[in-house]
Amino acid sequence: MERDKNTQRRIKKEIDRQRDRYIDRNVVDRMLPTIRCTCWYAGARERIGSAITCLVFGPDSSLLWVSNTKGKILSLSVNPLSCQMKKLRANSIPGGGSIVSLSVRSGRPNPLMLVSSTSDLIFMFSIEKDSLLLVRKCPVKLGGLPLKSVFCPLVTANKGAFIVTGSNDGSVLVYDMEKGKAVNKLQGHSCPVYSVCMSHDENTLISADSSGTIIVWQKRDTHT
């Protein structure tokens, strides 16, 4: 017992010594009471088969959507209390290709899912319980690159559906999924734009390219 206490004292002394090397002790002591740790533990496991590319929860977090390199999107029910999963249905996108991004947002009468793939197609699906119903598809010049897309805030203000996607020519494109064509083109990158991200308030767009450059785009209302 005494040996264990000595060991603990030595460990504590070494931790204090290492801590004092990098951070002022008074600062650390003020910080420690505010630190809280969350414990995570492994629950259920489910093997899908091929390599998984994207994960996204549905609006109510009880349904998980999983995509893979074979052009399939699988639905899994998730019980957050018991940490159990159950595979429900496999959905395939037309044309195949590896799926590179999934985006879900609420809609009426059903939530919508936006899917980008390496087959130069972007799809919009209506989420019908655990299955997907194709609403629209739009050809986009992605050049087979893993370029991601997101919903544009215009989707909440118009009957149509608008999305933002990167492109292989360095542009950020706003697409009208209803008409299947680009309605705006943001230029600023000099190489393929791999990823785009919209802020929660839907006023700021971030784009990132293959060279490591990130651009912030701020939405501005125009009046004519």
Protein backbone atom coordinates (compact mmCIF):
# COMPACT_ATOMS: atom_id res chain seq x y z
CA MET A 1 0.00 0.00 0.00
CA GLU A 2 2.81 2.40 1.00
CA ARG A 3 4.63 1.58 -2.25
CA ASP A 4 1.52 2.46 -4.28
CA LYS A 5 1.26 5.82 -2.50
CA ASN A 6 4.92 6.54 -3.24
CA THR A 7 4.37 5.69 -6.89
CA GLN A 8 1.37 8.01 -7.09
CA ARG A 9 3.36 10.83 -5.50
CA ARG A 10 6.18 10.35 -8.00
CA ILE A 11 3.74 10.42 -10.91
CA LYS A 12 2.06 13.57 -9.59
CA LYS A 13 5.42 15.24 -9.10
CA GLU A 14 6.45 14.42 -12.67
CA ILE A 15 3.14 15.71 -14.05
CA ASP A 16 3.59 18.97 -12.12
CA ARG A 17 7.15 19.30 -13.38
CA GLN A 18 6.12 18.79 -17.02
CA ARG A 19 3.18 21.15 -16.64
CA ASP A 20 5.38 23.93 -15.22
CA ARG A 21 7.73 23.61 -18.20
CA TYR A 22 5.08 24.84 -20.65
CA ILE A 23 2.41 26.83 -18.79
CA ASP A 24 2.49 29.16 -15.84
CA ARG A 25 1.22 27.19 -12.84
CA ASN A 26 -1.19 29.90 -11.67
CA VAL A 27 -2.82 29.92 -15.10
CA VAL A 28 -3.23 26.14 -15.09
CA ASP A 29 -4.72 26.11 -11.59
CA ARG A 30 -7.31 28.67 -12.68
CA MET A 31 -8.17 26.64 -15.76
CA LEU A 32 -8.46 23.16 -14.22
CA PRO A 33 -11.75 23.69 -12.33
CA THR A 34 -13.49 24.60 -15.60
CA ILE A 35 -12.41 21.49 -17.49
CA ARG A 36 -15.05 18.79 -17.94
CA CYS A 37 -14.51 15.44 -19.66
CA THR A 38 -17.11 13.41 -21.54
CA CYS A 39 -16.69 9.65 -21.57
CA TRP A 40 -17.49 7.73 -24.76
CA TYR A 41 -17.85 4.00 -25.09
CA ALA A 42 -18.33 1.70 -28.06
CA GLY A 43 -21.83 0.41 -28.62
CA ALA A 44 -23.21 -1.56 -31.55
CA ARG A 45 -21.13 -2.33 -34.64
CA GLU A 46 -22.41 -2.76 -38.17
CA ARG A 47 -20.34 -3.83 -41.17
CA ILE A 48 -21.45 -2.28 -44.45
CA GLY A 49 -19.05 -4.04 -46.79
CA SER A 50 -17.29 -1.58 -49.07
CA ALA A 51 -15.44 1.56 -48.02
CA ILE A 52 -17.66 4.16 -46.36
CA THR A 53 -17.37 7.70 -47.70
CA CYS A 54 -19.98 9.77 -45.81
CA LEU A 55 -22.17 9.72 -42.71
CA VAL A 56 -25.10 12.02 -42.01
CA PHE A 57 -28.02 11.94 -39.59
CA GLY A 58 -31.57 12.65 -40.65
CA PRO A 59 -33.41 15.61 -39.08
CA ASP A 60 -34.54 13.63 -36.00
CA SER A 61 -31.19 11.82 -35.41
CA SER A 62 -32.89 8.42 -35.23
CA LEU A 63 -31.96 7.58 -38.82
CA LEU A 64 -28.38 7.43 -40.05
CA TRP A 65 -27.49 7.56 -43.75
CA VAL A 66 -24.27 5.91 -44.89
CA SER A 67 -22.73 6.10 -48.38
CA ASN A 68 -19.95 4.07 -49.96
CA THR A 69 -17.65 3.91 -52.97
CA LYS A 70 -20.11 1.67 -54.87
CA GLY A 71 -22.80 4.34 -55.29
CA LYS A 72 -25.03 3.02 -52.50
CA ILE A 73 -26.70 4.89 -49.65
CA LEU A 74 -27.81 2.76 -46.72
CA SER A 75 -30.26 3.70 -44.00
CA LEU A 76 -29.70 2.53 -40.43
CA SER A 77 -31.94 3.08 -37.43
CA VAL A 78 -30.05 4.30 -34.37
CA ASN A 79 -31.23 4.10 -30.78
CA PRO A 80 -29.19 6.68 -28.82
CA LEU A 81 -30.23 5.23 -25.45
CA SER A 82 -29.23 1.63 -26.08
CA CYS A 83 -26.53 2.45 -28.68
CA GLN A 84 -28.05 -0.14 -31.00
CA MET A 85 -28.15 0.02 -34.81
CA LYS A 86 -30.18 -1.82 -37.39
CA LYS A 87 -29.60 -1.85 -41.12
CA LEU A 88 -32.83 -0.97 -42.90
CA ARG A 89 -32.52 -0.40 -46.65
CA ALA A 90 -29.93 0.02 -49.41
CA ASN A 91 -30.53 2.70 -52.04
CA SER A 92 -28.52 3.01 -55.24
CA ILE A 93 -27.85 6.23 -57.14
CA PRO A 94 -28.31 6.19 -60.94
CA GLY A 95 -25.04 5.98 -62.81
CA GLY A 96 -23.06 4.59 -59.91
CA GLY A 97 -19.77 6.20 -58.98
CA SER A 98 -18.31 6.85 -55.56
CA ILE A 99 -20.43 9.13 -53.38
CA VAL A 100 -18.38 12.04 -52.05
CA SER A 101 -20.88 14.09 -50.05
CA LEU A 102 -24.27 13.82 -48.34
CA SER A 103 -26.28 16.76 -47.08
CA VAL A 104 -29.68 16.64 -45.38
CA ARG A 105 -32.09 19.43 -44.56
CA SER A 106 -35.69 19.70 -43.49
CA GLY A 107 -38.32 20.18 -46.16
CA ARG A 108 -42.02 19.84 -46.83
CA PRO A 109 -43.62 17.43 -47.02
CA ASN A 110 -40.41 15.40 -46.53
CA PRO A 111 -36.76 16.13 -45.72
CA LEU A 112 -34.37 16.42 -48.67
CA MET A 113 -31.01 14.80 -49.28
CA LEU A 114 -28.33 16.19 -51.59
CA VAL A 115 -25.85 13.69 -53.01
CA SER A 116 -22.66 14.36 -54.99
CA SER A 117 -20.82 11.59 -56.80
CA THR A 118 -17.77 11.16 -59.00
CA SER A 119 -20.05 10.38 -61.98
CA ASP A 120 -20.46 14.14 -62.70
CA LEU A 121 -24.01 14.09 -61.34
CA ILE A 122 -25.65 15.73 -58.34
CA PHE A 123 -28.87 14.18 -57.04
CA MET A 124 -31.64 15.45 -54.82
CA PHE A 125 -33.76 12.86 -53.04
CA SER A 126 -36.87 13.07 -50.93
CA ILE A 127 -36.45 11.06 -47.74
CA GLU A 128 -39.41 8.68 -47.49
CA LYS A 129 -38.99 7.04 -44.08
CA ASP A 130 -36.00 4.72 -44.60
CA SER A 131 -35.85 4.98 -48.41
CA LEU A 132 -34.96 7.63 -50.96
CA LEU A 133 -37.11 8.91 -53.82
CA LEU A 134 -35.23 10.66 -56.63
CA VAL A 135 -36.59 14.16 -57.15
CA ARG A 136 -34.02 15.69 -59.48
CA LYS A 137 -30.58 15.08 -60.91
CA CYS A 138 -28.26 17.64 -62.39
CA PRO A 139 -25.14 17.15 -64.54
CA VAL A 140 -22.15 19.06 -63.19
CA LYS A 141 -18.61 19.12 -64.57
CA LEU A 142 -16.73 17.59 -61.68
CA GLY A 143 -14.11 15.82 -63.78
CA GLY A 144 -14.39 12.69 -61.67
CA LEU A 145 -12.98 14.56 -58.68
CA PRO A 146 -14.41 14.22 -55.14
CA LEU A 147 -16.02 17.67 -55.11
CA LYS A 148 -18.63 18.33 -52.43
CA SER A 149 -21.91 20.23 -52.57
CA VAL A 150 -24.32 21.75 -50.03
CA PHE A 151 -27.81 23.21 -50.00
CA CYS A 152 -28.02 26.93 -50.68
CA PRO A 153 -30.24 29.13 -48.44
CA LEU A 154 -32.37 29.95 -51.47
CA VAL A 155 -33.92 26.51 -51.03
CA THR A 156 -35.86 27.87 -48.06
CA ALA A 157 -37.04 31.00 -49.86
CA ASN A 158 -38.12 29.61 -53.23
CA LYS A 159 -40.19 26.77 -54.58
CA GLY A 160 -37.17 25.50 -56.45
CA ALA A 161 -34.04 23.99 -54.91
CA PHE A 162 -30.67 25.65 -55.15
CA ILE A 163 -27.32 24.14 -54.25
CA VAL A 164 -23.70 25.25 -54.08
CA THR A 165 -20.92 23.04 -55.39
CA GLY A 166 -17.24 23.21 -56.17
CA SER A 167 -15.99 22.58 -59.69
CA ASN A 168 -12.86 21.36 -61.41
CA ASP A 169 -12.20 24.74 -63.08
CA GLY A 170 -11.76 26.59 -59.78
CA SER A 171 -15.27 28.06 -59.67
CA VAL A 172 -17.91 27.88 -56.98
CA LEU A 173 -21.25 27.28 -58.70
CA VAL A 174 -24.78 27.99 -57.56
CA TYR A 175 -27.12 25.55 -59.33
CA ASP A 176 -30.85 25.69 -59.82
CA MET A 177 -31.77 22.04 -59.49
CA GLU A 178 -35.19 22.73 -60.98
CA LYS A 179 -33.72 24.02 -64.25
CA GLY A 180 -30.54 21.94 -64.14
CA LYS A 181 -28.20 24.85 -64.79
CA ALA A 182 -25.85 27.21 -62.98
CA VAL A 183 -27.37 30.58 -62.02
CA ASN A 184 -24.26 32.08 -60.42
CA LYS A 185 -20.51 31.54 -60.67
CA LEU A 186 -18.11 32.69 -57.96
CA GLN A 187 -14.51 33.02 -59.11
CA GLY A 188 -11.48 33.35 -56.88
CA HIS A 189 -9.78 29.96 -56.80
CA SER A 190 -7.08 28.91 -59.25
CA CYS A 191 -7.51 25.13 -58.95
CA PRO A 192 -10.32 22.61 -58.31
CA VAL A 193 -12.64 23.52 -55.43
CA TYR A 194 -12.98 20.37 -53.33
CA SER A 195 -15.27 21.46 -50.53
CA VAL A 196 -17.92 24.05 -49.69
CA CYS A 197 -19.59 24.78 -46.37
CA MET A 198 -22.48 27.04 -45.35
CA SER A 199 -22.69 28.72 -41.94
CA HIS A 200 -25.64 27.95 -39.67
CA ASP A 201 -27.17 31.39 -40.23
CA GLU A 202 -26.77 30.82 -44.01
CA ASN A 203 -25.04 34.18 -44.54
CA THR A 204 -21.49 32.92 -45.03
CA LEU A 205 -20.12 30.42 -47.54
CA ILE A 206 -16.66 28.86 -47.24
CA SER A 207 -14.88 27.20 -50.14
CA ALA A 208 -11.58 25.30 -50.15
CA ASP A 209 -9.45 24.15 -53.07
CA SER A 210 -6.81 21.52 -53.76
CA SER A 211 -3.93 23.96 -53.10
CA GLY A 212 -5.05 24.54 -49.52
CA THR A 213 -6.63 27.96 -50.15
CA ILE A 214 -9.84 28.84 -48.29
CA ILE A 215 -12.11 31.72 -49.34
CA VAL A 216 -14.90 33.28 -47.30
CA TRP A 217 -17.92 34.49 -49.27
CA GLN A 218 -20.36 36.84 -47.57
CA LYS A 219 -23.95 37.03 -48.77
CA ARG A 220 -25.15 40.50 -49.67
CA ASP A 221 -28.67 41.47 -50.63
CA THR A 222 -28.87 43.38 -53.91
CA HIS A 223 -31.68 45.68 -54.88
CA THR A 224 -32.49 46.59 -58.46
